[in-house]
Each structure stands twice: as C-alpha cells, then as structure tokens.
PDB file of N, CA and C in Angstrom:
ATOM      1  N   MET A   1     -13.735  -8.639  27.599  1.00  0.00           N
ATOM      2  CA  MET A   1     -13.372  -8.371  26.249  1.00  0.00           C
ATOM      3  C   MET A   1     -12.648  -6.971  26.217  1.00  0.00           C
ATOM      4  N   ARG A   2     -11.498  -6.927  25.583  1.00  0.00           N
ATOM      5  CA  ARG A   2     -10.687  -5.760  25.547  1.00  0.00           C
ATOM      6  C   ARG A   2     -11.080  -4.876  24.368  1.00  0.00           C
ATOM      7  N   ARG A   3     -10.979  -3.574  24.516  1.00  0.00           N
ATOM      8  CA  ARG A   3     -11.287  -2.634  23.440  1.00  0.00           C
ATOM      9  C   ARG A   3     -10.088  -2.531  22.486  1.00  0.00           C
ATOM     10  N   PHE A   4     -10.399  -2.069  21.312  1.00  0.00           N
ATOM     11  CA  PHE A   4      -9.291  -1.784  20.346  1.00  0.00           C
ATOM     12  C   PHE A   4      -8.582  -0.508  20.722  1.00  0.00           C
ATOM     13  N   THR A   5      -7.237  -0.511  20.604  1.00  0.00           N
ATOM     14  CA  THR A   5      -6.471   0.699  20.837  1.00  0.00           C
ATOM     15  C   THR A   5      -6.564   1.592  19.623  1.00  0.00           C
ATOM     16  N   ALA A   6      -6.031   2.818  19.754  1.00  0.00           N
ATOM     17  CA  ALA A   6      -6.041   3.760  18.657  1.00  0.00           C
ATOM     18  C   ALA A   6      -5.186   3.251  17.489  1.00  0.00           C
ATOM     19  N   ILE A   7      -4.100   2.603  17.767  1.00  0.00           N
ATOM     20  CA  ILE A   7      -3.252   2.106  16.665  1.00  0.00           C
ATOM     21  C   ILE A   7      -3.938   0.973  15.946  1.00  0.00           C
ATOM     22  N   GLU A   8      -4.661   0.092  16.697  1.00  0.00           N
ATOM     23  CA  GLU A   8      -5.418  -0.972  16.013  1.00  0.00           C
ATOM     24  C   GLU A   8      -6.518  -0.448  15.144  1.00  0.00           C
ATOM     25  N   ILE A   9      -7.205   0.579  15.584  1.00  0.00           N
ATOM     26  CA  ILE A   9      -8.251   1.219  14.800  1.00  0.00           C
ATOM     27  C   ILE A   9      -7.704   1.865  13.579  1.00  0.00           C
ATOM     28  N   GLY A  10      -6.550   2.542  13.739  1.00  0.00           N
ATOM     29  CA  GLY A  10      -5.864   3.149  12.611  1.00  0.00           C
ATOM     30  C   GLY A  10      -5.422   2.075  11.564  1.00  0.00           C
ATOM     31  N   GLY A  11      -4.956   0.923  12.047  1.00  0.00           N
ATOM     32  CA  GLY A  11      -4.590  -0.120  11.156  1.00  0.00           C
ATOM     33  C   GLY A  11      -5.752  -0.672  10.391  1.00  0.00           C
ATOM     34  N   LEU A  12      -6.895  -0.865  11.079  1.00  0.00           N
ATOM     35  CA  LEU A  12      -8.132  -1.301  10.375  1.00  0.00           C
ATOM     36  C   LEU A  12      -8.590  -0.304   9.364  1.00  0.00           C
ATOM     37  N   PHE A  13      -8.455   0.971   9.670  1.00  0.00           N
ATOM     38  CA  PHE A  13      -8.867   2.041   8.718  1.00  0.00           C
ATOM     39  C   PHE A  13      -7.974   1.966   7.479  1.00  0.00           C
ATOM     40  N   LEU A  14      -6.658   1.809   7.696  1.00  0.00           N
ATOM     41  CA  LEU A  14      -5.705   1.684   6.576  1.00  0.00           C
ATOM     42  C   LEU A  14      -5.992   0.483   5.731  1.00  0.00           C
ATOM     43  N   ALA A  15      -6.319  -0.667   6.340  1.00  0.00           N
ATOM     44  CA  ALA A  15      -6.657  -1.862   5.615  1.00  0.00           C
ATOM     45  C   ALA A  15      -7.952  -1.646   4.772  1.00  0.00           C
ATOM     46  N   VAL A  16      -8.907  -0.930   5.383  1.00  0.00           N
ATOM     47  CA  VAL A  16     -10.136  -0.669   4.616  1.00  0.00           C
ATOM     48  C   VAL A  16      -9.888   0.239   3.418  1.00  0.00           C
ATOM     49  N   LEU A  17      -8.862   1.130   3.499  1.00  0.00           N
ATOM     50  CA  LEU A  17      -8.526   1.906   2.351  1.00  0.00           C
ATOM     51  C   LEU A  17      -7.740   1.192   1.296  1.00  0.00           C
ATOM     52  N   LEU A  18      -6.836   0.309   1.716  1.00  0.00           N
ATOM     53  CA  LEU A  18      -5.956  -0.397   0.805  1.00  0.00           C
ATOM     54  C   LEU A  18      -6.682  -1.495   0.001  1.00  0.00           C
ATOM     55  N   LEU A  19      -7.636  -2.197   0.656  1.00  0.00           N
ATOM     56  CA  LEU A  19      -8.307  -3.292  -0.056  1.00  0.00           C
ATOM     57  C   LEU A  19      -9.073  -2.847  -1.296  1.00  0.00           C
ATOM     58  N   PRO A  20     -10.046  -1.923  -1.185  1.00  0.00           N
ATOM     59  CA  PRO A  20     -10.767  -1.538  -2.407  1.00  0.00           C
ATOM     60  C   PRO A  20      -9.884  -0.874  -3.473  1.00  0.00           C
ATOM     61  N   GLY A  21      -8.906  -0.077  -2.981  1.00  0.00           N
ATOM     62  CA  GLY A  21      -8.051   0.549  -4.001  1.00  0.00           C
ATOM     63  C   GLY A  21      -7.179  -0.445  -4.735  1.00  0.00           C
ATOM     64  N   GLY A  22      -6.690  -1.483  -3.970  1.00  0.00           N
ATOM     65  CA  GLY A  22      -5.908  -2.579  -4.626  1.00  0.00           C
ATOM     66  C   GLY A  22      -6.770  -3.385  -5.507  1.00  0.00           C
ATOM     67  N   LEU A  23      -7.978  -3.690  -5.131  1.00  0.00           N
ATOM     68  CA  LEU A  23      -8.887  -4.464  -6.004  1.00  0.00           C
ATOM     69  C   LEU A  23      -9.161  -3.661  -7.332  1.00  0.00           C
ATOM     70  N   TYR A  24      -9.380  -2.384  -7.191  1.00  0.00           N
ATOM     71  CA  TYR A  24      -9.626  -1.548  -8.383  1.00  0.00           C
ATOM     72  C   TYR A  24      -8.416  -1.585  -9.331  1.00  0.00           C
ATOM     73  N   MET A  25      -7.242  -1.424  -8.756  1.00  0.00           N
ATOM     74  CA  MET A  25      -6.011  -1.429  -9.564  1.00  0.00           C
ATOM     75  C   MET A  25      -5.770  -2.782 -10.160  1.00  0.00           C
ATOM     76  N   ALA A  26      -6.074  -3.880  -9.488  1.00  0.00           N
ATOM     77  CA  ALA A  26      -5.811  -5.190  -9.957  1.00  0.00           C
ATOM     78  C   ALA A  26      -6.800  -5.601 -11.086  1.00  0.00           C
ATOM     79  N   ILE A  27      -8.031  -5.175 -10.939  1.00  0.00           N
ATOM     80  CA  ILE A  27      -9.025  -5.545 -11.935  1.00  0.00           C
ATOM     81  C   ILE A  27      -8.964  -4.690 -13.182  1.00  0.00           C
ATOM     82  N   TRP A  28      -8.873  -3.360 -12.994  1.00  0.00           N
ATOM     83  CA  TRP A  28      -8.799  -2.394 -14.113  1.00  0.00           C
ATOM     84  C   TRP A  28      -7.499  -1.598 -14.093  1.00  0.00           C
ATOM     85  N   PRO A  29      -6.363  -2.210 -14.439  1.00  0.00           N
ATOM     86  CA  PRO A  29      -5.072  -1.510 -14.395  1.00  0.00           C
ATOM     87  C   PRO A  29      -5.000  -0.447 -15.500  1.00  0.00           C
ATOM     88  N   GLN A  30      -4.442   0.692 -15.151  1.00  0.00           N
ATOM     89  CA  GLN A  30      -4.281   1.754 -16.136  1.00  0.00           C
ATOM     90  C   GLN A  30      -2.829   2.263 -16.068  1.00  0.00           C
ATOM     91  N   GLY A  31      -2.197   2.276 -17.230  1.00  0.00           N
ATOM     92  CA  GLY A  31      -0.841   2.791 -17.291  1.00  0.00           C
ATOM     93  C   GLY A  31      -0.888   4.360 -17.164  1.00  0.00           C
ATOM     94  N   GLY A  32       0.274   4.911 -16.956  1.00  0.00           N
ATOM     95  CA  GLY A  32       0.358   6.383 -16.836  1.00  0.00           C
ATOM     96  C   GLY A  32       1.741   6.818 -16.443  1.00  0.00           C
ATOM     97  N   ILE A  33       1.815   8.090 -16.046  1.00  0.00           N
ATOM     98  CA  ILE A  33       3.081   8.664 -15.633  1.00  0.00           C
ATOM     99  C   ILE A  33       2.966   8.991 -14.149  1.00  0.00           C
ATOM    100  N   MET A  34       3.961   8.512 -13.382  1.00  0.00           N
ATOM    101  CA  MET A  34       3.933   8.834 -11.946  1.00  0.00           C
ATOM    102  C   MET A  34       5.357   9.340 -11.517  1.00  0.00           C
ATOM    103  N   PRO A  35       5.329  10.258 -10.536  1.00  0.00           N
ATOM    104  CA  PRO A  35       6.661  10.713 -10.026  1.00  0.00           C
ATOM    105  C   PRO A  35       7.244   9.720  -9.082  1.00  0.00           C
ATOM    106  N   ARG A  36       8.579   9.650  -9.081  1.00  0.00           N
ATOM    107  CA  ARG A  36       9.329   8.738  -8.215  1.00  0.00           C
ATOM    108  C   ARG A  36      10.486   9.534  -7.647  1.00  0.00           C
ATOM    109  N   PHE A  37      10.622   9.407  -6.263  1.00  0.00           N
ATOM    110  CA  PHE A  37      11.709  10.087  -5.565  1.00  0.00           C
ATOM    111  C   PHE A  37      12.987   9.265  -5.724  1.00  0.00           C
ATOM    112  N   THR A  38      14.061   9.924  -5.993  1.00  0.00           N
ATOM    113  CA  THR A  38      15.346   9.207  -6.202  1.00  0.00           C
ATOM    114  C   THR A  38      16.554  10.102  -5.781  1.00  0.00           C
ATOM    115  N   ASN A  39      17.670   9.437  -5.615  1.00  0.00           N
ATOM    116  CA  ASN A  39      18.953  10.076  -5.309  1.00  0.00           C
ATOM    117  C   ASN A  39      19.990   9.612  -6.313  1.00  0.00           C
ATOM    118  N   ASP A  40      21.159  10.264  -6.284  1.00  0.00           N
ATOM    119  CA  ASP A  40      22.236   9.758  -7.122  1.00  0.00           C
ATOM    120  C   ASP A  40      22.919   8.626  -6.330  1.00  0.00           C
ATOM    121  N   ALA A  41      23.991   8.117  -6.825  1.00  0.00           N
ATOM    122  CA  ALA A  41      24.686   6.912  -6.257  1.00  0.00           C
ATOM    123  C   ALA A  41      25.212   7.184  -4.829  1.00  0.00           C
ATOM    124  N   LEU A  42      25.588   8.428  -4.530  1.00  0.00           N
ATOM    125  CA  LEU A  42      26.161   8.799  -3.244  1.00  0.00           C
ATOM    126  C   LEU A  42      25.124   9.200  -2.233  1.00  0.00           C
ATOM    127  N   GLY A  43      23.860   9.308  -2.647  1.00  0.00           N
ATOM    128  CA  GLY A  43      22.795   9.762  -1.726  1.00  0.00           C
ATOM    129  C   GLY A  43      22.663  11.272  -1.717  1.00  0.00           C
ATOM    130  N   LEU A  44      23.320  11.905  -2.652  1.00  0.00           N
ATOM    131  CA  LEU A  44      23.252  13.399  -2.787  1.00  0.00           C
ATOM    132  C   LEU A  44      22.221  13.718  -3.874  1.00  0.00           C
ATOM    133  N   SER A  45      21.882  14.957  -3.959  1.00  0.00           N
ATOM    134  CA  SER A  45      21.005  15.462  -5.034  1.00  0.00           C
ATOM    135  C   SER A  45      19.653  14.750  -5.059  1.00  0.00           C
ATOM    136  N   PRO A  46      18.839  14.822  -4.003  1.00  0.00           N
ATOM    137  CA  PRO A  46      17.570  14.181  -4.060  1.00  0.00           C
ATOM    138  C   PRO A  46      16.609  14.982  -4.991  1.00  0.00           C
ATOM    139  N   HIS A  47      15.876  14.248  -5.798  1.00  0.00           N
ATOM    140  CA  HIS A  47      14.972  14.839  -6.747  1.00  0.00           C
ATOM    141  C   HIS A  47      13.896  13.838  -7.191  1.00  0.00           C
ATOM    142  N   TYR A  48      12.887  14.399  -7.876  1.00  0.00           N
ATOM    143  CA  TYR A  48      11.859  13.555  -8.399  1.00  0.00           C
ATOM    144  C   TYR A  48      12.075  13.313  -9.923  1.00  0.00           C
ATOM    145  N   ILE A  49      11.803  12.137 -10.423  1.00  0.00           N
ATOM    146  CA  ILE A  49      11.819  11.925 -11.842  1.00  0.00           C
ATOM    147  C   ILE A  49      10.425  11.375 -12.242  1.00  0.00           C
ATOM    148  N   LEU A  50      10.055  11.641 -13.495  1.00  0.00           N
ATOM    149  CA  LEU A  50       8.778  11.065 -14.016  1.00  0.00           C
ATOM    150  C   LEU A  50       9.053   9.725 -14.651  1.00  0.00           C
ATOM    151  N   GLU A  51       8.260   8.736 -14.323  1.00  0.00           N
ATOM    152  CA  GLU A  51       8.469   7.371 -14.756  1.00  0.00           C
ATOM    153  C   GLU A  51       7.185   6.825 -15.378  1.00  0.00           C
ATOM    154  N   GLU A  52       7.316   6.199 -16.514  1.00  0.00           N
ATOM    155  CA  GLU A  52       6.099   5.631 -17.141  1.00  0.00           C
ATOM    156  C   GLU A  52       5.765   4.276 -16.514  1.00  0.00           C
ATOM    157  N   MET A  53       4.490   4.068 -16.181  1.00  0.00           N
ATOM    158  CA  MET A  53       4.046   2.845 -15.569  1.00  0.00           C
ATOM    159  C   MET A  53       3.131   2.126 -16.506  1.00  0.00           C
ATOM    160  N   THR A  54       3.403   0.853 -16.812  1.00  0.00           N
ATOM    161  CA  THR A  54       2.607   0.082 -17.734  1.00  0.00           C
ATOM    162  C   THR A  54       1.387  -0.514 -16.947  1.00  0.00           C
ATOM    163  N   PRO A  55       0.410  -0.995 -17.652  1.00  0.00           N
ATOM    164  CA  PRO A  55      -0.766  -1.632 -16.959  1.00  0.00           C
ATOM    165  C   PRO A  55      -0.340  -2.868 -16.125  1.00  0.00           C
ATOM    166  N   GLY A  56       0.699  -3.591 -16.565  1.00  0.00           N
ATOM    167  CA  GLY A  56       1.137  -4.748 -15.746  1.00  0.00           C
ATOM    168  C   GLY A  56       1.745  -4.289 -14.436  1.00  0.00           C
ATOM    169  N   GLU A  57       2.484  -3.215 -14.466  1.00  0.00           N
ATOM    170  CA  GLU A  57       3.062  -2.736 -13.189  1.00  0.00           C
ATOM    171  C   GLU A  57       1.956  -2.212 -12.306  1.00  0.00           C
ATOM    172  N   ALA A  58       0.981  -1.544 -12.896  1.00  0.00           N
ATOM    173  CA  ALA A  58      -0.148  -1.054 -12.076  1.00  0.00           C
ATOM    174  C   ALA A  58      -0.917  -2.252 -11.435  1.00  0.00           C
ATOM    175  N   ARG A  59      -1.083  -3.311 -12.221  1.00  0.00           N
ATOM    176  CA  ARG A  59      -1.766  -4.487 -11.613  1.00  0.00           C
ATOM    177  C   ARG A  59      -0.953  -5.101 -10.478  1.00  0.00           C
ATOM    178  N   MET A  60       0.344  -5.129 -10.654  1.00  0.00           N
ATOM    179  CA  MET A  60       1.229  -5.646  -9.571  1.00  0.00           C
ATOM    180  C   MET A  60       1.132  -4.729  -8.340  1.00  0.00           C
ATOM    181  N   GLY A  61       1.093  -3.447  -8.513  1.00  0.00           N
ATOM    182  CA  GLY A  61       0.896  -2.542  -7.398  1.00  0.00           C
ATOM    183  C   GLY A  61      -0.448  -2.796  -6.661  1.00  0.00           C
ATOM    184  N   GLY A  62      -1.494  -3.091  -7.467  1.00  0.00           N
ATOM    185  CA  GLY A  62      -2.779  -3.425  -6.854  1.00  0.00           C
ATOM    186  C   GLY A  62      -2.753  -4.696  -6.067  1.00  0.00           C
ATOM    187  N   ILE A  63      -2.035  -5.701  -6.580  1.00  0.00           N
ATOM    188  CA  ILE A  63      -1.948  -6.974  -5.859  1.00  0.00           C
ATOM    189  C   ILE A  63      -1.174  -6.741  -4.597  1.00  0.00           C
ATOM    190  N   LEU A  64      -0.080  -5.939  -4.634  1.00  0.00           N
ATOM    191  CA  LEU A  64       0.705  -5.664  -3.400  1.00  0.00           C
ATOM    192  C   LEU A  64      -0.188  -4.880  -2.352  1.00  0.00           C
ATOM    193  N   ALA A  65      -1.010  -3.957  -2.859  1.00  0.00           N
ATOM    194  CA  ALA A  65      -1.895  -3.254  -1.926  1.00  0.00           C
ATOM    195  C   ALA A  65      -2.918  -4.164  -1.272  1.00  0.00           C
ATOM    196  N   ILE A  66      -3.437  -5.159  -2.011  1.00  0.00           N
ATOM    197  CA  ILE A  66      -4.345  -6.149  -1.417  1.00  0.00           C
ATOM    198  C   ILE A  66      -3.595  -6.960  -0.362  1.00  0.00           C
ATOM    199  N   ILE A  67      -2.370  -7.424  -0.641  1.00  0.00           N
ATOM    200  CA  ILE A  67      -1.672  -8.216   0.324  1.00  0.00           C
ATOM    201  C   ILE A  67      -1.338  -7.396   1.567  1.00  0.00           C
ATOM    202  N   PHE A  68      -0.860  -6.156   1.386  1.00  0.00           N
ATOM    203  CA  PHE A  68      -0.553  -5.308   2.535  1.00  0.00           C
ATOM    204  C   PHE A  68      -1.815  -5.005   3.330  1.00  0.00           C
ATOM    205  N   GLY A  69      -2.938  -4.783   2.655  1.00  0.00           N
ATOM    206  CA  GLY A  69      -4.209  -4.469   3.361  1.00  0.00           C
ATOM    207  C   GLY A  69      -4.673  -5.643   4.215  1.00  0.00           C
ATOM    208  N   ILE A  70      -4.567  -6.818   3.629  1.00  0.00           N
ATOM    209  CA  ILE A  70      -4.962  -8.032   4.438  1.00  0.00           C
ATOM    210  C   ILE A  70      -4.048  -8.279   5.585  1.00  0.00           C
ATOM    211  N   GLY A  71      -2.725  -8.101   5.350  1.00  0.00           N
ATOM    212  CA  GLY A  71      -1.778  -8.236   6.441  1.00  0.00           C
ATOM    213  C   GLY A  71      -1.954  -7.241   7.580  1.00  0.00           C
ATOM    214  N   ILE A  72      -2.132  -5.998   7.232  1.00  0.00           N
ATOM    215  CA  ILE A  72      -2.356  -4.965   8.257  1.00  0.00           C
ATOM    216  C   ILE A  72      -3.672  -5.226   9.015  1.00  0.00           C
ATOM    217  N   GLY A  73      -4.681  -5.627   8.273  1.00  0.00           N
ATOM    218  CA  GLY A  73      -5.978  -5.934   8.921  1.00  0.00           C
ATOM    219  C   GLY A  73      -5.853  -7.109   9.950  1.00  0.00           C
ATOM    220  N   VAL A  74      -5.181  -8.122   9.497  1.00  0.00           N
ATOM    221  CA  VAL A  74      -5.029  -9.351  10.346  1.00  0.00           C
ATOM    222  C   VAL A  74      -4.216  -8.955  11.617  1.00  0.00           C
ATOM    223  N   LEU A  75      -3.112  -8.251  11.404  1.00  0.00           N
ATOM    224  CA  LEU A  75      -2.302  -7.890  12.571  1.00  0.00           C
ATOM    225  C   LEU A  75      -3.007  -6.891  13.468  1.00  0.00           C
ATOM    226  N   SER A  76      -3.933  -6.122  12.968  1.00  0.00           N
ATOM    227  CA  SER A  76      -4.668  -5.190  13.804  1.00  0.00           C
ATOM    228  C   SER A  76      -5.716  -5.937  14.643  1.00  0.00           C
ATOM    229  N   ILE A  77      -6.272  -7.002  14.125  1.00  0.00           N
ATOM    230  CA  ILE A  77      -7.372  -7.711  14.831  1.00  0.00           C
ATOM    231  C   ILE A  77      -6.735  -8.835  15.784  1.00  0.00           C
ATOM    232  N   TYR A  78      -5.587  -9.362  15.396  1.00  0.00           N
ATOM    233  CA  TYR A  78      -5.060 -10.496  16.120  1.00  0.00           C
ATOM    234  C   TYR A  78      -4.755 -10.015  17.587  1.00  0.00           C
ATOM    235  N   ARG A  79      -5.182 -10.889  18.531  1.00  0.00           N
ATOM    236  CA  ARG A  79      -4.948 -10.660  19.987  1.00  0.00           C
ATOM    237  C   ARG A  79      -4.096 -11.813  20.507  1.00  0.00           C
ATOM    238  N   GLU A  80      -3.055 -11.495  21.213  1.00  0.00           N
ATOM    239  CA  GLU A  80      -2.232 -12.505  21.802  1.00  0.00           C
ATOM    240  C   GLU A  80      -2.973 -13.085  23.014  1.00  0.00           C
ATOM    241  N   LYS A  81      -3.010 -14.399  23.114  1.00  0.00           N
ATOM    242  CA  LYS A  81      -3.664 -15.074  24.236  1.00  0.00           C
ATOM    243  C   LYS A  81      -2.724 -15.001  25.429  1.00  0.00           C
ATOM    244  N   THR A  82      -3.235 -14.329  26.497  1.00  0.00           N
ATOM    245  CA  THR A  82      -2.429 -14.243  27.694  1.00  0.00           C
ATOM    246  C   THR A  82      -3.145 -14.773  28.912  1.00  0.00           C
TER     247      THR A  82
END
C-alpha cells in the first residue's frame, strides 16, 4: 500500500476546507459587498472594484465550492492501477 504524497495531502486538506464552507454558503447565503480584481480592455490599469453580491450569487458560489471540493478530494484519493 502506497503512502499519500504531500500534494495529495494538500489536496485533501483543501477539499476539507471547501466542503463545509460551500455547504454553509449554499444553505445560508448572505449578500454583501466584495472586492473584485479587474483590468481595463487592454489589460492596463489593474485595480480593485467593489461589487454587490446578492444571496443568489452567494448560493451559486457555495455550490461551486462544494463541486470543486468534491472534485479535488476525488482526484487526491484516486490511484491509477499500474
């Protein structure tokens, strides 16, 4: 039986962080203001803008966090049969 590598352990740790956070955001979404990094059309003038987030957008972010958490966890555990 092979041991987990450091990258696989890091992936499992990230999955463990994403799943409860995503569940919390999906079950109890809260709107608010969040900063977003952006550029102009030519890629010049990088800056942050404040953007309003609705509860529906927060719920969608939670669902995406759950999906990414499950995917990262599965890919961290999956072993190729050789």
